[in-house]
Amino acid sequence: MRIVVRLDVMLARRKMRSKDLAERIGISETNLSLLKSGKVKGIRFATLERLCEALDCRPGDLLDVEPGPGSEEP
């Protein structure tokens, strides 16, 4: 199984640009882009909290789990 970042979906729902979100939560556009693409190995809880506050959502709205290769779905 793998964790998938659904930040792009939430940005679209909130009609917000990545640039505006990055500015609002105090991270670089580059780091936000890496997070959106799932190319990061971790995220600080403080950053997750700021994302949720800015997007008016919960962590589960931004993170999801997908079965990996060879995984059986329940």
PDB file of N, CA and C in Angstrom:
ATOM      1  N   MET A   1       0.845  -1.172   0.000  1.00  0.00           N
ATOM      2  CA  MET A   1       0.000   0.000   0.000  1.00  0.00           C
ATOM      3  C   MET A   1       0.885   1.229   0.000  1.00  0.00           C
ATOM      4  N   ARG A   2       0.321   2.339  -0.490  1.00  0.00           N
ATOM      5  CA  ARG A   2       1.077   3.583  -0.528  1.00  0.00           C
ATOM      6  C   ARG A   2       0.166   4.759  -0.208  1.00  0.00           C
ATOM      7  N   ILE A   3       0.748   5.779   0.376  1.00  0.00           N
ATOM      8  CA  ILE A   3       0.005   6.998   0.712  1.00  0.00           C
ATOM      9  C   ILE A   3       0.074   7.937  -0.485  1.00  0.00           C
ATOM     10  N   VAL A   4      -1.078   8.477  -0.843  1.00  0.00           N
ATOM     11  CA  VAL A   4      -1.187   9.368  -1.993  1.00  0.00           C
ATOM     12  C   VAL A   4      -1.636  10.746  -1.511  1.00  0.00           C
ATOM     13  N   VAL A   5      -0.996  11.789  -2.018  1.00  0.00           N
ATOM     14  CA  VAL A   5      -1.342  13.163  -1.660  1.00  0.00           C
ATOM     15  C   VAL A   5      -2.390  13.671  -2.647  1.00  0.00           C
ATOM     16  N   ARG A   6      -3.514  14.134  -2.127  1.00  0.00           N
ATOM     17  CA  ARG A   6      -4.627  14.632  -2.944  1.00  0.00           C
ATOM     18  C   ARG A   6      -4.743  16.157  -2.871  1.00  0.00           C
ATOM     19  N   LEU A   7      -3.619  16.816  -2.728  1.00  0.00           N
ATOM     20  CA  LEU A   7      -3.607  18.266  -2.589  1.00  0.00           C
ATOM     21  C   LEU A   7      -4.162  18.957  -3.832  1.00  0.00           C
ATOM     22  N   ASP A   8      -3.864  18.430  -5.002  1.00  0.00           N
ATOM     23  CA  ASP A   8      -4.357  19.035  -6.238  1.00  0.00           C
ATOM     24  C   ASP A   8      -5.880  19.036  -6.296  1.00  0.00           C
ATOM     25  N   VAL A   9      -6.502  17.969  -5.789  1.00  0.00           N
ATOM     26  CA  VAL A   9      -7.961  17.878  -5.767  1.00  0.00           C
ATOM     27  C   VAL A   9      -8.545  18.957  -4.857  1.00  0.00           C
ATOM     28  N   MET A  10      -7.950  19.113  -3.681  1.00  0.00           N
ATOM     29  CA  MET A  10      -8.459  20.101  -2.731  1.00  0.00           C
ATOM     30  C   MET A  10      -8.243  21.524  -3.243  1.00  0.00           C
ATOM     31  N   LEU A  11      -7.126  21.769  -3.904  1.00  0.00           N
ATOM     32  CA  LEU A  11      -6.891  23.094  -4.492  1.00  0.00           C
ATOM     33  C   LEU A  11      -7.964  23.404  -5.536  1.00  0.00           C
ATOM     34  N   ALA A  12      -8.295  22.431  -6.353  1.00  0.00           N
ATOM     35  CA  ALA A  12      -9.329  22.633  -7.369  1.00  0.00           C
ATOM     36  C   ALA A  12     -10.687  22.890  -6.722  1.00  0.00           C
ATOM     37  N   ARG A  13     -11.010  22.134  -5.681  1.00  0.00           N
ATOM     38  CA  ARG A  13     -12.290  22.331  -4.991  1.00  0.00           C
ATOM     39  C   ARG A  13     -12.390  23.715  -4.370  1.00  0.00           C
ATOM     40  N   ARG A  14     -11.275  24.222  -3.875  1.00  0.00           N
ATOM     41  CA  ARG A  14     -11.266  25.532  -3.220  1.00  0.00           C
ATOM     42  C   ARG A  14     -10.989  26.668  -4.204  1.00  0.00           C
ATOM     43  N   LYS A  15     -10.784  26.293  -5.475  1.00  0.00           N
ATOM     44  CA  LYS A  15     -10.478  27.280  -6.520  1.00  0.00           C
ATOM     45  C   LYS A  15      -9.316  28.182  -6.100  1.00  0.00           C
ATOM     46  N   MET A  16      -8.258  27.520  -5.654  1.00  0.00           N
ATOM     47  CA  MET A  16      -7.080  28.233  -5.162  1.00  0.00           C
ATOM     48  C   MET A  16      -5.866  27.819  -5.989  1.00  0.00           C
ATOM     49  N   ARG A  17      -4.996  28.777  -6.235  1.00  0.00           N
ATOM     50  CA  ARG A  17      -3.766  28.481  -6.962  1.00  0.00           C
ATOM     51  C   ARG A  17      -2.680  28.037  -5.995  1.00  0.00           C
ATOM     52  N   SER A  18      -1.798  27.194  -6.487  1.00  0.00           N
ATOM     53  CA  SER A  18      -0.674  26.713  -5.675  1.00  0.00           C
ATOM     54  C   SER A  18       0.148  27.869  -5.141  1.00  0.00           C
ATOM     55  N   LYS A  19       0.371  28.864  -5.969  1.00  0.00           N
ATOM     56  CA  LYS A  19       1.169  30.019  -5.572  1.00  0.00           C
ATOM     57  C   LYS A  19       0.544  30.713  -4.361  1.00  0.00           C
ATOM     58  N   ASP A  20      -0.774  30.888  -4.382  1.00  0.00           N
ATOM     59  CA  ASP A  20      -1.467  31.546  -3.277  1.00  0.00           C
ATOM     60  C   ASP A  20      -1.399  30.708  -2.000  1.00  0.00           C
ATOM     61  N   LEU A  21      -1.561  29.397  -2.143  1.00  0.00           N
ATOM     62  CA  LEU A  21      -1.498  28.512  -0.980  1.00  0.00           C
ATOM     63  C   LEU A  21      -0.104  28.519  -0.369  1.00  0.00           C
ATOM     64  N   ALA A  22       0.916  28.428  -1.214  1.00  0.00           N
ATOM     65  CA  ALA A  22       2.298  28.430  -0.720  1.00  0.00           C
ATOM     66  C   ALA A  22       2.574  29.704   0.068  1.00  0.00           C
ATOM     67  N   GLU A  23       2.134  30.820  -0.450  1.00  0.00           N
ATOM     68  CA  GLU A  23       2.334  32.098   0.235  1.00  0.00           C
ATOM     69  C   GLU A  23       1.585  32.128   1.569  1.00  0.00           C
ATOM     70  N   ARG A  24       0.356  31.628   1.555  1.00  0.00           N
ATOM     71  CA  ARG A  24      -0.483  31.662   2.755  1.00  0.00           C
ATOM     72  C   ARG A  24       0.083  30.813   3.892  1.00  0.00           C
ATOM     73  N   ILE A  25       0.672  29.644   3.546  1.00  0.00           N
ATOM     74  CA  ILE A  25       1.156  28.751   4.608  1.00  0.00           C
ATOM     75  C   ILE A  25       2.652  28.889   4.871  1.00  0.00           C
ATOM     76  N   GLY A  26       3.327  29.710   4.063  1.00  0.00           N
ATOM     77  CA  GLY A  26       4.729  29.996   4.337  1.00  0.00           C
ATOM     78  C   GLY A  26       5.720  28.941   3.891  1.00  0.00           C
ATOM     79  N   ILE A  27       5.453  28.297   2.756  1.00  0.00           N
ATOM     80  CA  ILE A  27       6.454  27.388   2.183  1.00  0.00           C
ATOM     81  C   ILE A  27       6.703  27.814   0.742  1.00  0.00           C
ATOM     82  N   SER A  28       7.787  27.336   0.172  1.00  0.00           N
ATOM     83  CA  SER A  28       8.116  27.718  -1.200  1.00  0.00           C
ATOM     84  C   SER A  28       7.185  27.005  -2.185  1.00  0.00           C
ATOM     85  N   GLU A  29       7.007  27.618  -3.338  1.00  0.00           N
ATOM     86  CA  GLU A  29       6.201  26.988  -4.386  1.00  0.00           C
ATOM     87  C   GLU A  29       6.819  25.662  -4.818  1.00  0.00           C
ATOM     88  N   THR A  30       8.149  25.604  -4.795  1.00  0.00           N
ATOM     89  CA  THR A  30       8.849  24.370  -5.163  1.00  0.00           C
ATOM     90  C   THR A  30       8.498  23.242  -4.207  1.00  0.00           C
ATOM     91  N   ASN A  31       8.541  23.519  -2.905  1.00  0.00           N
ATOM     92  CA  ASN A  31       8.206  22.486  -1.918  1.00  0.00           C
ATOM     93  C   ASN A  31       6.742  22.083  -2.014  1.00  0.00           C
ATOM     94  N   LEU A  32       5.854  23.037  -2.265  1.00  0.00           N
ATOM     95  CA  LEU A  32       4.440  22.708  -2.427  1.00  0.00           C
ATOM     96  C   LEU A  32       4.237  21.838  -3.664  1.00  0.00           C
ATOM     97  N   SER A  33       4.943  22.149  -4.730  1.00  0.00           N
ATOM     98  CA  SER A  33       4.856  21.356  -5.956  1.00  0.00           C
ATOM     99  C   SER A  33       5.331  19.921  -5.720  1.00  0.00           C
ATOM    100  N   LEU A  34       6.425  19.778  -4.976  1.00  0.00           N
ATOM    101  CA  LEU A  34       6.924  18.435  -4.653  1.00  0.00           C
ATOM    102  C   LEU A  34       5.906  17.666  -3.821  1.00  0.00           C
ATOM    103  N   LEU A  35       5.267  18.351  -2.898  1.00  0.00           N
ATOM    104  CA  LEU A  35       4.245  17.730  -2.071  1.00  0.00           C
ATOM    105  C   LEU A  35       3.054  17.308  -2.923  1.00  0.00           C
ATOM    106  N   LYS A  36       2.609  18.193  -3.806  1.00  0.00           N
ATOM    107  CA  LYS A  36       1.481  17.886  -4.691  1.00  0.00           C
ATOM    108  C   LYS A  36       1.756  16.667  -5.562  1.00  0.00           C
ATOM    109  N   SER A  37       2.974  16.549  -6.036  1.00  0.00           N
ATOM    110  CA  SER A  37       3.323  15.459  -6.944  1.00  0.00           C
ATOM    111  C   SER A  37       3.606  14.152  -6.206  1.00  0.00           C
ATOM    112  N   GLY A  38       3.662  14.205  -4.877  1.00  0.00           N
ATOM    113  CA  GLY A  38       3.915  12.996  -4.110  1.00  0.00           C
ATOM    114  C   GLY A  38       5.377  12.600  -4.068  1.00  0.00           C
ATOM    115  N   LYS A  39       6.257  13.515  -4.409  1.00  0.00           N
ATOM    116  CA  LYS A  39       7.690  13.216  -4.458  1.00  0.00           C
ATOM    117  C   LYS A  39       8.399  13.465  -3.136  1.00  0.00           C
ATOM    118  N   VAL A  40       7.650  13.587  -2.062  1.00  0.00           N
ATOM    119  CA  VAL A  40       8.245  13.764  -0.749  1.00  0.00           C
ATOM    120  C   VAL A  40       8.070  12.486   0.059  1.00  0.00           C
ATOM    121  N   LYS A  41       8.947  12.278   1.002  1.00  0.00           N
ATOM    122  CA  LYS A  41       8.878  11.080   1.843  1.00  0.00           C
ATOM    123  C   LYS A  41       8.196  11.353   3.173  1.00  0.00           C
ATOM    124  N   GLY A  42       7.956  12.625   3.470  1.00  0.00           N
ATOM    125  CA  GLY A  42       7.326  12.960   4.741  1.00  0.00           C
ATOM    126  C   GLY A  42       6.834  14.394   4.731  1.00  0.00           C
ATOM    127  N   ILE A  43       6.030  14.703   5.741  1.00  0.00           N
ATOM    128  CA  ILE A  43       5.522  16.054   5.908  1.00  0.00           C
ATOM    129  C   ILE A  43       5.447  16.340   7.407  1.00  0.00           C
ATOM    130  N   ARG A  44       5.823  17.521   7.793  1.00  0.00           N
ATOM    131  CA  ARG A  44       5.736  17.902   9.210  1.00  0.00           C
ATOM    132  C   ARG A  44       4.274  18.117   9.568  1.00  0.00           C
ATOM    133  N   PHE A  45       3.936  17.743  10.793  1.00  0.00           N
ATOM    134  CA  PHE A  45       2.571  17.963  11.249  1.00  0.00           C
ATOM    135  C   PHE A  45       2.203  19.436  11.212  1.00  0.00           C
ATOM    136  N   ALA A  46       3.157  20.306  11.502  1.00  0.00           N
ATOM    137  CA  ALA A  46       2.885  21.747  11.476  1.00  0.00           C
ATOM    138  C   ALA A  46       2.499  22.199  10.071  1.00  0.00           C
ATOM    139  N   THR A  47       3.172  21.653   9.055  1.00  0.00           N
ATOM    140  CA  THR A  47       2.844  21.993   7.668  1.00  0.00           C
ATOM    141  C   THR A  47       1.478  21.437   7.302  1.00  0.00           C
ATOM    142  N   LEU A  48       1.204  20.213   7.700  1.00  0.00           N
ATOM    143  CA  LEU A  48      -0.098  19.606   7.436  1.00  0.00           C
ATOM    144  C   LEU A  48      -1.212  20.411   8.098  1.00  0.00           C
ATOM    145  N   GLU A  49      -0.953  20.865   9.310  1.00  0.00           N
ATOM    146  CA  GLU A  49      -1.931  21.676  10.030  1.00  0.00           C
ATOM    147  C   GLU A  49      -2.207  22.991   9.295  1.00  0.00           C
ATOM    148  N   ARG A  50      -1.146  23.643   8.813  1.00  0.00           N
ATOM    149  CA  ARG A  50      -1.325  24.905   8.081  1.00  0.00           C
ATOM    150  C   ARG A  50      -2.059  24.672   6.770  1.00  0.00           C
ATOM    151  N   LEU A  51      -1.773  23.552   6.090  1.00  0.00           N
ATOM    152  CA  LEU A  51      -2.486  23.217   4.862  1.00  0.00           C
ATOM    153  C   LEU A  51      -3.984  23.039   5.140  1.00  0.00           C
ATOM    154  N   CYS A  52      -4.287  22.289   6.172  1.00  0.00           N
ATOM    155  CA  CYS A  52      -5.683  22.038   6.514  1.00  0.00           C
ATOM    156  C   CYS A  52      -6.404  23.324   6.903  1.00  0.00           C
ATOM    157  N   GLU A  53      -5.728  24.178   7.627  1.00  0.00           N
ATOM    158  CA  GLU A  53      -6.330  25.451   8.035  1.00  0.00           C
ATOM    159  C   GLU A  53      -6.604  26.330   6.814  1.00  0.00           C
ATOM    160  N   ALA A  54      -5.630  26.429   5.920  1.00  0.00           N
ATOM    161  CA  ALA A  54      -5.769  27.282   4.735  1.00  0.00           C
ATOM    162  C   ALA A  54      -6.829  26.754   3.772  1.00  0.00           C
ATOM    163  N   LEU A  55      -6.953  25.419   3.700  1.00  0.00           N
ATOM    164  CA  LEU A  55      -7.901  24.810   2.763  1.00  0.00           C
ATOM    165  C   LEU A  55      -9.227  24.417   3.426  1.00  0.00           C
ATOM    166  N   ASP A  56      -9.339  24.699   4.719  1.00  0.00           N
ATOM    167  CA  ASP A  56     -10.539  24.358   5.474  1.00  0.00           C
ATOM    168  C   ASP A  56     -10.918  22.886   5.254  1.00  0.00           C
ATOM    169  N   CYS A  57      -9.975  22.010   5.612  1.00  0.00           N
ATOM    170  CA  CYS A  57     -10.189  20.577   5.417  1.00  0.00           C
ATOM    171  C   CYS A  57      -9.536  19.807   6.556  1.00  0.00           C
ATOM    172  N   ARG A  58      -9.590  18.503   6.475  1.00  0.00           N
ATOM    173  CA  ARG A  58      -8.965  17.618   7.457  1.00  0.00           C
ATOM    174  C   ARG A  58      -7.817  16.861   6.782  1.00  0.00           C
ATOM    175  N   PRO A  59      -6.875  16.317   7.546  1.00  0.00           N
ATOM    176  CA  PRO A  59      -5.763  15.581   6.934  1.00  0.00           C
ATOM    177  C   PRO A  59      -6.233  14.463   5.992  1.00  0.00           C
ATOM    178  N   GLY A  60      -7.322  13.806   6.325  1.00  0.00           N
ATOM    179  CA  GLY A  60      -7.840  12.732   5.474  1.00  0.00           C
ATOM    180  C   GLY A  60      -8.339  13.213   4.124  1.00  0.00           C
ATOM    181  N   ASP A  61      -8.608  14.519   4.010  1.00  0.00           N
ATOM    182  CA  ASP A  61      -9.002  15.080   2.718  1.00  0.00           C
ATOM    183  C   ASP A  61      -7.800  15.265   1.809  1.00  0.00           C
ATOM    184  N   LEU A  62      -6.616  15.342   2.395  1.00  0.00           N
ATOM    185  CA  LEU A  62      -5.392  15.574   1.636  1.00  0.00           C
ATOM    186  C   LEU A  62      -4.581  14.310   1.395  1.00  0.00           C
ATOM    187  N   LEU A  63      -4.750  13.322   2.269  1.00  0.00           N
ATOM    188  CA  LEU A  63      -3.972  12.088   2.186  1.00  0.00           C
ATOM    189  C   LEU A  63      -4.909  10.899   2.024  1.00  0.00           C
ATOM    190  N   ASP A  64      -4.513   9.983   1.158  1.00  0.00           N
ATOM    191  CA  ASP A  64      -5.307   8.786   0.920  1.00  0.00           C
ATOM    192  C   ASP A  64      -4.361   7.589   0.835  1.00  0.00           C
ATOM    193  N   VAL A  65      -4.913   6.416   0.894  1.00  0.00           N
ATOM    194  CA  VAL A  65      -4.116   5.190   0.797  1.00  0.00           C
ATOM    195  C   VAL A  65      -4.594   4.394  -0.408  1.00  0.00           C
ATOM    196  N   GLU A  66      -3.642   3.950  -1.223  1.00  0.00           N
ATOM    197  CA  GLU A  66      -3.944   3.105  -2.374  1.00  0.00           C
ATOM    198  C   GLU A  66      -3.194   1.798  -2.231  1.00  0.00           C
ATOM    199  N   PRO A  67      -3.806   0.725  -2.672  1.00  0.00           N
ATOM    200  CA  PRO A  67      -3.090  -0.556  -2.624  1.00  0.00           C
ATOM    201  C   PRO A  67      -1.883  -0.517  -3.555  1.00  0.00           C
ATOM    202  N   GLY A  68      -0.817  -1.127  -3.118  1.00  0.00           N
ATOM    203  CA  GLY A  68       0.381  -1.202  -3.937  1.00  0.00           C
ATOM    204  C   GLY A  68       0.339  -2.427  -4.836  1.00  0.00           C
ATOM    205  N   PRO A  69       1.333  -2.592  -5.674  1.00  0.00           N
ATOM    206  CA  PRO A  69       1.393  -3.770  -6.544  1.00  0.00           C
ATOM    207  C   PRO A  69       1.403  -5.056  -5.721  1.00  0.00           C
ATOM    208  N   GLY A  70       0.562  -5.966  -6.083  1.00  0.00           N
ATOM    209  CA  GLY A  70       0.503  -7.248  -5.375  1.00  0.00           C
ATOM    210  C   GLY A  70      -0.290  -7.223  -4.102  1.00  0.00           C
ATOM    211  N   SER A  71      -0.841  -6.068  -3.727  1.00  0.00           N
ATOM    212  CA  SER A  71      -1.642  -5.978  -2.509  1.00  0.00           C
ATOM    213  C   SER A  71      -3.051  -6.450  -2.780  1.00  0.00           C
ATOM    214  N   GLU A  72      -3.610  -7.077  -1.800  1.00  0.00           N
ATOM    215  CA  GLU A  72      -4.996  -7.493  -1.909  1.00  0.00           C
ATOM    216  C   GLU A  72      -5.880  -6.434  -1.262  1.00  0.00           C
ATOM    217  N   GLU A  73      -6.969  -6.082  -1.946  1.00  0.00           N
ATOM    218  CA  GLU A  73      -7.905  -5.129  -1.372  1.00  0.00           C
ATOM    219  C   GLU A  73      -8.863  -5.875  -0.459  1.00  0.00           C
ATOM    220  N   PRO A  74      -9.281  -5.236   0.662  1.00  0.00           N
ATOM    221  CA  PRO A  74     -10.204  -5.909   1.571  1.00  0.00           C
ATOM    222  C   PRO A  74     -11.567  -6.106   0.966  1.00  0.00           C
TER     223      PRO A  74
END
